[in-house]
N, C-alpha and C. Protein backbone atom coordinates (compact mmCIF):
# COMPACT_ATOMS: atom_id res chain seq x y z
N MET A 1 -23.32 274.32 126.71
CA MET A 1 -23.51 273.41 125.60
C MET A 1 -22.15 272.84 125.18
N THR A 2 -22.13 271.55 124.89
CA THR A 2 -20.91 270.93 124.40
C THR A 2 -21.10 270.49 122.96
N HIS A 3 -20.00 270.41 122.25
CA HIS A 3 -20.00 270.01 120.85
C HIS A 3 -19.13 268.77 120.71
N ARG A 4 -19.57 267.83 119.94
CA ARG A 4 -18.82 266.59 119.72
C ARG A 4 -17.87 266.79 118.55
N LEU A 5 -16.57 266.73 118.80
CA LEU A 5 -15.55 266.90 117.77
C LEU A 5 -14.75 265.61 117.64
N LEU A 6 -14.06 265.49 116.54
CA LEU A 6 -13.21 264.33 116.31
C LEU A 6 -11.76 264.77 116.35
N GLY A 7 -10.94 264.03 117.08
CA GLY A 7 -9.52 264.31 117.17
C GLY A 7 -8.73 263.09 116.75
N ALA A 8 -7.43 263.17 116.82
CA ALA A 8 -6.56 262.06 116.42
C ALA A 8 -6.83 260.81 117.26
N ASP A 9 -7.25 261.01 118.51
CA ASP A 9 -7.52 259.88 119.41
C ASP A 9 -8.99 259.49 119.47
N GLY A 10 -9.81 260.07 118.61
CA GLY A 10 -11.24 259.75 118.60
C GLY A 10 -12.09 260.93 118.99
N PRO A 11 -13.39 260.70 119.19
CA PRO A 11 -14.31 261.79 119.51
C PRO A 11 -14.10 262.34 120.92
N TYR A 12 -14.41 263.62 121.08
CA TYR A 12 -14.35 264.26 122.39
C TYR A 12 -15.34 265.41 122.43
N ASP A 13 -15.72 265.83 123.64
CA ASP A 13 -16.63 266.96 123.82
C ASP A 13 -15.83 268.24 124.00
N SER A 14 -16.32 269.30 123.37
CA SER A 14 -15.64 270.59 123.41
C SER A 14 -16.66 271.69 123.72
N PRO A 15 -16.25 272.71 124.46
CA PRO A 15 -17.16 273.83 124.72
C PRO A 15 -17.34 274.72 123.49
N THR A 16 -16.44 274.60 122.50
CA THR A 16 -16.55 275.41 121.28
C THR A 16 -16.86 274.51 120.08
N PRO A 17 -17.64 275.01 119.14
CA PRO A 17 -17.97 274.21 117.96
C PRO A 17 -16.76 274.04 117.04
N GLY A 18 -16.81 273.05 116.19
CA GLY A 18 -15.75 272.83 115.23
C GLY A 18 -15.73 273.90 114.15
N THR A 19 -14.59 274.09 113.56
CA THR A 19 -14.46 275.07 112.48
C THR A 19 -14.49 274.40 111.11
N LEU A 20 -14.37 273.06 111.08
CA LEU A 20 -14.37 272.30 109.84
C LEU A 20 -15.29 271.10 109.98
N GLY A 21 -15.89 270.70 108.86
CA GLY A 21 -16.72 269.51 108.85
C GLY A 21 -16.04 268.44 108.02
N GLY A 22 -16.46 267.21 108.23
CA GLY A 22 -15.88 266.12 107.47
C GLY A 22 -16.87 264.99 107.25
N HIS A 23 -16.45 264.01 106.49
CA HIS A 23 -17.27 262.83 106.19
C HIS A 23 -16.49 261.61 106.68
N ARG A 24 -17.06 260.92 107.64
CA ARG A 24 -16.39 259.80 108.29
C ARG A 24 -15.97 258.70 107.32
N ARG A 25 -16.83 258.34 106.39
CA ARG A 25 -16.53 257.23 105.48
C ARG A 25 -15.54 257.62 104.39
N LEU A 26 -15.64 258.84 103.89
CA LEU A 26 -14.74 259.29 102.84
C LEU A 26 -13.40 259.80 103.38
N ARG A 27 -13.36 260.06 104.70
CA ARG A 27 -12.15 260.57 105.36
C ARG A 27 -11.68 261.87 104.71
N ILE A 28 -12.64 262.79 104.55
CA ILE A 28 -12.38 264.09 103.92
C ILE A 28 -12.86 265.19 104.85
N TYR A 29 -12.19 266.34 104.85
CA TYR A 29 -12.64 267.47 105.66
C TYR A 29 -12.65 268.72 104.80
N GLY A 30 -13.48 269.69 105.21
CA GLY A 30 -13.56 270.95 104.49
C GLY A 30 -14.26 272.01 105.31
N ARG A 31 -14.45 273.16 104.69
CA ARG A 31 -15.13 274.28 105.34
C ARG A 31 -16.59 273.93 105.58
N LEU A 32 -17.17 274.55 106.58
CA LEU A 32 -18.58 274.29 106.90
C LEU A 32 -19.50 274.82 105.80
N ASP A 33 -19.03 275.76 104.99
CA ASP A 33 -19.83 276.30 103.90
C ASP A 33 -19.43 275.72 102.54
N CYS A 34 -18.79 274.57 102.53
CA CYS A 34 -18.35 273.93 101.28
C CYS A 34 -19.56 273.63 100.39
N PRO A 35 -19.56 274.10 99.14
CA PRO A 35 -20.68 273.86 98.24
C PRO A 35 -20.97 272.37 98.02
N SER A 36 -19.93 271.56 97.92
CA SER A 36 -20.14 270.12 97.70
C SER A 36 -20.81 269.47 98.90
N ALA A 37 -20.33 269.78 100.08
CA ALA A 37 -20.92 269.21 101.29
C ALA A 37 -22.35 269.70 101.48
N LEU A 38 -22.59 270.98 101.25
CA LEU A 38 -23.95 271.52 101.42
C LEU A 38 -24.93 270.88 100.44
N ARG A 39 -24.47 270.61 99.22
CA ARG A 39 -25.33 269.94 98.24
C ARG A 39 -25.69 268.52 98.71
N ARG A 40 -24.70 267.81 99.20
CA ARG A 40 -24.94 266.45 99.69
C ARG A 40 -25.83 266.45 100.93
N LEU A 41 -25.62 267.41 101.82
CA LEU A 41 -26.47 267.52 102.99
C LEU A 41 -27.92 267.79 102.60
N ALA A 42 -28.11 268.65 101.60
CA ALA A 42 -29.46 268.97 101.14
C ALA A 42 -30.17 267.75 100.56
N ARG A 43 -29.40 266.83 99.98
CA ARG A 43 -29.96 265.60 99.42
C ARG A 43 -30.11 264.50 100.47
N GLY A 44 -29.67 264.77 101.70
CA GLY A 44 -29.77 263.79 102.77
C GLY A 44 -28.73 262.68 102.72
N GLN A 45 -27.66 262.89 101.97
CA GLN A 45 -26.66 261.84 101.77
C GLN A 45 -25.49 261.91 102.74
N TYR A 46 -25.39 262.92 103.53
CA TYR A 46 -24.13 263.22 104.21
C TYR A 46 -24.25 263.26 105.74
N ALA A 47 -25.40 263.64 106.25
CA ALA A 47 -25.53 263.99 107.67
C ALA A 47 -25.13 262.87 108.63
N ARG A 48 -25.48 261.65 108.35
CA ARG A 48 -25.20 260.59 109.34
C ARG A 48 -23.71 260.24 109.41
N HIS A 49 -22.94 260.66 108.44
CA HIS A 49 -21.49 260.40 108.45
C HIS A 49 -20.68 261.66 108.76
N ARG A 50 -21.37 262.73 109.16
CA ARG A 50 -20.74 264.02 109.38
C ARG A 50 -19.96 264.02 110.69
N VAL A 51 -18.75 264.56 110.66
CA VAL A 51 -17.92 264.77 111.84
C VAL A 51 -17.41 266.20 111.80
N PHE A 52 -16.92 266.68 112.94
CA PHE A 52 -16.44 268.06 113.03
C PHE A 52 -15.07 268.08 113.67
N PHE A 53 -14.26 269.05 113.24
CA PHE A 53 -12.90 269.20 113.73
C PHE A 53 -12.66 270.60 114.25
N ALA A 54 -11.77 270.72 115.21
CA ALA A 54 -11.40 272.03 115.76
C ALA A 54 -10.62 272.85 114.73
N ASP A 55 -9.75 272.16 113.96
CA ASP A 55 -8.89 272.87 113.00
C ASP A 55 -8.30 271.87 112.00
N GLU A 56 -7.57 272.39 111.02
CA GLU A 56 -7.00 271.52 109.97
C GLU A 56 -5.96 270.55 110.51
N ALA A 57 -5.14 270.99 111.44
CA ALA A 57 -4.12 270.10 111.99
C ALA A 57 -4.76 268.89 112.67
N THR A 58 -5.85 269.11 113.36
CA THR A 58 -6.55 268.01 114.03
C THR A 58 -7.17 267.07 113.00
N ALA A 59 -7.76 267.62 111.96
CA ALA A 59 -8.36 266.79 110.90
C ALA A 59 -7.30 265.92 110.24
N ARG A 60 -6.16 266.51 109.93
CA ARG A 60 -5.07 265.74 109.31
C ARG A 60 -4.53 264.68 110.27
N ALA A 61 -4.40 265.03 111.55
CA ALA A 61 -3.90 264.07 112.55
C ALA A 61 -4.86 262.89 112.71
N ALA A 62 -6.15 263.12 112.43
CA ALA A 62 -7.15 262.05 112.51
C ALA A 62 -7.18 261.21 111.24
N GLY A 63 -6.34 261.58 110.24
CA GLY A 63 -6.24 260.79 109.02
C GLY A 63 -7.16 261.22 107.90
N TYR A 64 -7.67 262.45 107.97
CA TYR A 64 -8.56 262.97 106.93
C TYR A 64 -7.77 263.83 105.95
N ARG A 65 -8.27 263.92 104.72
CA ARG A 65 -7.63 264.74 103.69
C ARG A 65 -8.48 265.96 103.40
N PRO A 66 -7.87 267.03 102.88
CA PRO A 66 -8.63 268.24 102.56
C PRO A 66 -9.52 268.05 101.33
N CYS A 67 -10.61 268.79 101.31
CA CYS A 67 -11.55 268.79 100.19
C CYS A 67 -10.94 269.57 99.02
N ALA A 68 -11.00 269.00 97.84
CA ALA A 68 -10.46 269.65 96.65
C ALA A 68 -11.30 270.86 96.25
N ARG A 69 -12.57 270.85 96.60
CA ARG A 69 -13.47 271.93 96.18
C ARG A 69 -13.32 273.20 97.02
N CYS A 70 -13.37 273.06 98.35
CA CYS A 70 -13.36 274.26 99.19
C CYS A 70 -11.99 274.58 99.78
N LEU A 71 -11.04 273.64 99.71
CA LEU A 71 -9.68 273.87 100.19
C LEU A 71 -8.68 273.46 99.10
N PRO A 72 -8.77 274.09 97.93
CA PRO A 72 -7.97 273.63 96.79
C PRO A 72 -6.45 273.67 97.02
N GLU A 73 -5.96 274.69 97.70
CA GLU A 73 -4.51 274.77 97.92
C GLU A 73 -4.05 273.67 98.88
N ALA A 74 -4.78 273.47 99.96
CA ALA A 74 -4.44 272.41 100.91
C ALA A 74 -4.54 271.04 100.23
N TYR A 75 -5.52 270.89 99.35
CA TYR A 75 -5.66 269.63 98.62
C TYR A 75 -4.46 269.40 97.70
N ARG A 76 -4.03 270.45 96.98
CA ARG A 76 -2.87 270.31 96.08
C ARG A 76 -1.61 269.89 96.85
N VAL A 77 -1.41 270.49 98.01
CA VAL A 77 -0.26 270.12 98.84
C VAL A 77 -0.39 268.67 99.28
N TRP A 78 -1.57 268.30 99.77
CA TRP A 78 -1.80 266.92 100.21
C TRP A 78 -1.57 265.93 99.06
N ALA A 79 -2.14 266.23 97.90
CA ALA A 79 -2.01 265.34 96.75
C ALA A 79 -0.55 265.25 96.29
N GLY A 80 0.16 266.36 96.31
CA GLY A 80 1.56 266.35 95.92
C GLY A 80 2.41 265.52 96.88
N ASN A 81 2.16 265.66 98.16
CA ASN A 81 2.89 264.89 99.16
C ASN A 81 2.56 263.41 99.06
N ARG A 82 1.32 263.10 98.80
CA ARG A 82 0.88 261.71 98.69
C ARG A 82 1.53 261.06 97.47
N HIS A 83 1.56 261.80 96.37
CA HIS A 83 2.14 261.27 95.14
C HIS A 83 3.64 261.03 95.29
N ARG A 84 4.32 261.95 95.96
CA ARG A 84 5.76 261.81 96.17
C ARG A 84 6.10 260.62 97.06
N SER A 85 5.25 260.34 98.06
CA SER A 85 5.55 259.23 98.98
C SER A 85 5.30 257.88 98.33
N VAL A 86 4.52 257.83 97.25
CA VAL A 86 4.23 256.58 96.54
C VAL A 86 5.37 256.21 95.61
N THR A 87 6.01 257.21 95.02
CA THR A 87 7.07 256.93 94.04
C THR A 87 8.40 256.68 94.69
């Protein structure tokens, strides 16, 4: 079985499933058990834009940001770096 993952260069097939999920339009990634993502999936709002990543480095290289809800520390670092680069 192969799994479709997203990398910095676009989608690719992998023999192992992704460890993180993301939303293509929002350009956000998080844990597969993220309460916010699971709520949206349950409402049918998220599935068609869902992407998967092998790890955080790959998600960031693809231009996605961490979820503030399930990855709060990674989000704080991302937000701090983003704010510093603007000023």
